[in-house]
Amino acid sequence: MKRLPLLLGLLGAGWMALAIQIVAVRAIFFTNYIGYRTALMLPQIGREIPLWQDVWIFNSWLVLTSAIEWALIGFVIQFAVRKISR
């Protein structure tokens, strides 16, 4: 139970990497809405970077935010189980 957030974070990162590979835009949008919307705003920061770096940063941001979201879900589940078991 202690490793649940870590495992869910790794699972979330793996899922997002797989979704990016198969170009499942709707799946990315529904499972990582916050990461997708903030990644769309990344080019508006004002830096001029090459397109390949922009795509790399976009994909990395999606994987990172997906891992964080799934880890947070793991923490919530862990907290709920501990509260209920008392």
C-alpha atoms as a PDB file:
ATOM      1  CA  MET A   1       0.000   0.000   0.000  1.00  0.00           C
ATOM      2  CA  LYS A   2       2.945   2.336   0.623  1.00  0.00           C
ATOM      3  CA  ARG A   3       4.047   2.090  -2.999  1.00  0.00           C
ATOM      4  CA  LEU A   4       0.623   2.704  -4.519  1.00  0.00           C
ATOM      5  CA  PRO A   5       1.282   6.373  -5.483  1.00  0.00           C
ATOM      6  CA  LEU A   6       4.617   5.428  -7.062  1.00  0.00           C
ATOM      7  CA  LEU A   7       3.107   2.546  -9.000  1.00  0.00           C
ATOM      8  CA  LEU A   8       0.153   4.612 -10.172  1.00  0.00           C
ATOM      9  CA  GLY A   9       2.514   7.430 -11.188  1.00  0.00           C
ATOM     10  CA  LEU A  10       4.581   5.027 -13.269  1.00  0.00           C
ATOM     11  CA  LEU A  11       1.408   3.543 -14.721  1.00  0.00           C
ATOM     12  CA  GLY A  12       0.145   7.027 -15.625  1.00  0.00           C
ATOM     13  CA  ALA A  13       3.439   7.945 -17.291  1.00  0.00           C
ATOM     14  CA  GLY A  14       3.449   4.665 -19.213  1.00  0.00           C
ATOM     15  CA  TRP A  15      -0.153   5.135 -20.279  1.00  0.00           C
ATOM     16  CA  MET A  16       0.542   8.641 -21.560  1.00  0.00           C
ATOM     17  CA  ALA A  17       3.650   7.500 -23.440  1.00  0.00           C
ATOM     18  CA  LEU A  18       1.567   4.767 -25.074  1.00  0.00           C
ATOM     19  CA  ALA A  19      -1.253   7.193 -25.910  1.00  0.00           C
ATOM     20  CA  ILE A  20       1.268   9.582 -27.498  1.00  0.00           C
ATOM     21  CA  GLN A  21       2.775   6.757 -29.540  1.00  0.00           C
ATOM     22  CA  ILE A  22      -0.582   5.678 -30.958  1.00  0.00           C
ATOM     23  CA  VAL A  23      -1.713   9.314 -31.332  1.00  0.00           C
ATOM     24  CA  ALA A  24      -4.867   8.868 -29.259  1.00  0.00           C
ATOM     25  CA  VAL A  25      -5.709  12.543 -28.921  1.00  0.00           C
ATOM     26  CA  ARG A  26      -9.139  11.991 -27.385  1.00  0.00           C
ATOM     27  CA  ALA A  27      -7.719   9.589 -24.803  1.00  0.00           C
ATOM     28  CA  ILE A  28      -5.002  12.106 -23.945  1.00  0.00           C
ATOM     29  CA  PHE A  29      -7.598  14.875 -23.684  1.00  0.00           C
ATOM     30  CA  PHE A  30      -9.934  12.923 -21.382  1.00  0.00           C
ATOM     31  CA  THR A  31      -7.344  11.305 -19.109  1.00  0.00           C
ATOM     32  CA  ASN A  32      -5.020  14.299 -18.766  1.00  0.00           C
ATOM     33  CA  TYR A  33      -7.126  17.393 -19.414  1.00  0.00           C
ATOM     34  CA  ILE A  34      -5.059  19.713 -17.220  1.00  0.00           C
ATOM     35  CA  GLY A  35      -1.774  18.624 -18.767  1.00  0.00           C
ATOM     36  CA  TYR A  36      -3.161  18.865 -22.287  1.00  0.00           C
ATOM     37  CA  ARG A  37      -4.576  22.361 -21.822  1.00  0.00           C
ATOM     38  CA  THR A  38      -1.421  23.692 -20.141  1.00  0.00           C
ATOM     39  CA  ALA A  39       0.772  22.052 -22.801  1.00  0.00           C
ATOM     40  CA  LEU A  40      -1.179  23.907 -25.467  1.00  0.00           C
ATOM     41  CA  MET A  41      -0.212  27.152 -23.703  1.00  0.00           C
ATOM     42  CA  LEU A  42       3.516  26.344 -23.618  1.00  0.00           C
ATOM     43  CA  PRO A  43       4.296  27.927 -27.026  1.00  0.00           C
ATOM     44  CA  GLN A  44       2.789  31.192 -25.770  1.00  0.00           C
ATOM     45  CA  ILE A  45       5.643  31.619 -23.292  1.00  0.00           C
ATOM     46  CA  GLY A  46       7.423  33.707 -25.901  1.00  0.00           C
ATOM     47  CA  ARG A  47      10.513  31.689 -26.770  1.00  0.00           C
ATOM     48  CA  GLU A  48      11.270  30.841 -30.374  1.00  0.00           C
ATOM     49  CA  ILE A  49      12.258  27.196 -30.425  1.00  0.00           C
ATOM     50  CA  PRO A  50      12.448  24.719 -33.302  1.00  0.00           C
ATOM     51  CA  LEU A  51       9.381  22.591 -34.013  1.00  0.00           C
ATOM     52  CA  TRP A  52      11.039  19.309 -32.978  1.00  0.00           C
ATOM     53  CA  GLN A  53      11.874  20.775 -29.567  1.00  0.00           C
ATOM     54  CA  ASP A  54       8.332  22.090 -29.230  1.00  0.00           C
ATOM     55  CA  VAL A  55       6.906  18.613 -29.863  1.00  0.00           C
ATOM     56  CA  TRP A  56       9.422  17.062 -27.460  1.00  0.00           C
ATOM     57  CA  ILE A  57       8.539  19.552 -24.706  1.00  0.00           C
ATOM     58  CA  PHE A  58       4.797  19.063 -25.351  1.00  0.00           C
ATOM     59  CA  ASN A  59       5.063  15.266 -25.089  1.00  0.00           C
ATOM     60  CA  SER A  60       7.318  15.418 -22.028  1.00  0.00           C
ATOM     61  CA  TRP A  61       4.895  17.772 -20.300  1.00  0.00           C
ATOM     62  CA  LEU A  62       2.006  15.394 -20.998  1.00  0.00           C
ATOM     63  CA  VAL A  63       3.910  12.411 -19.566  1.00  0.00           C
ATOM     64  CA  LEU A  64       5.017  14.367 -16.487  1.00  0.00           C
ATOM     65  CA  THR A  65       1.578  15.759 -15.679  1.00  0.00           C
ATOM     66  CA  SER A  66      -0.046  12.375 -16.225  1.00  0.00           C
ATOM     67  CA  ALA A  67       2.390  10.765 -13.790  1.00  0.00           C
ATOM     68  CA  ILE A  68       1.706  13.474 -11.208  1.00  0.00           C
ATOM     69  CA  GLU A  69      -2.078  13.186 -11.584  1.00  0.00           C
ATOM     70  CA  TRP A  70      -2.047   9.396 -11.192  1.00  0.00           C
ATOM     71  CA  ALA A  71       0.320   9.631  -8.208  1.00  0.00           C
ATOM     72  CA  LEU A  72      -2.079  12.095  -6.567  1.00  0.00           C
ATOM     73  CA  ILE A  73      -4.921   9.651  -7.165  1.00  0.00           C
ATOM     74  CA  GLY A  74      -2.776   7.008  -5.447  1.00  0.00           C
ATOM     75  CA  PHE A  75      -2.279   9.298  -2.447  1.00  0.00           C
ATOM     76  CA  VAL A  76      -6.030   9.925  -2.222  1.00  0.00           C
ATOM     77  CA  ILE A  77      -6.764   6.183  -2.355  1.00  0.00           C
ATOM     78  CA  GLN A  78      -4.092   5.536   0.260  1.00  0.00           C
ATOM     79  CA  PHE A  79      -5.539   8.242   2.520  1.00  0.00           C
ATOM     80  CA  ALA A  80      -9.090   6.912   2.107  1.00  0.00           C
ATOM     81  CA  VAL A  81      -8.054   3.355   2.920  1.00  0.00           C
ATOM     82  CA  ARG A  82      -6.208   4.483   6.039  1.00  0.00           C
ATOM     83  CA  LYS A  83      -9.170   6.599   7.191  1.00  0.00           C
ATOM     84  CA  ILE A  84     -11.653   3.792   6.630  1.00  0.00           C
ATOM     85  CA  SER A  85      -9.494   1.133   8.277  1.00  0.00           C
ATOM     86  CA  ARG A  86      -9.284   3.052  11.585  1.00  0.00           C
END
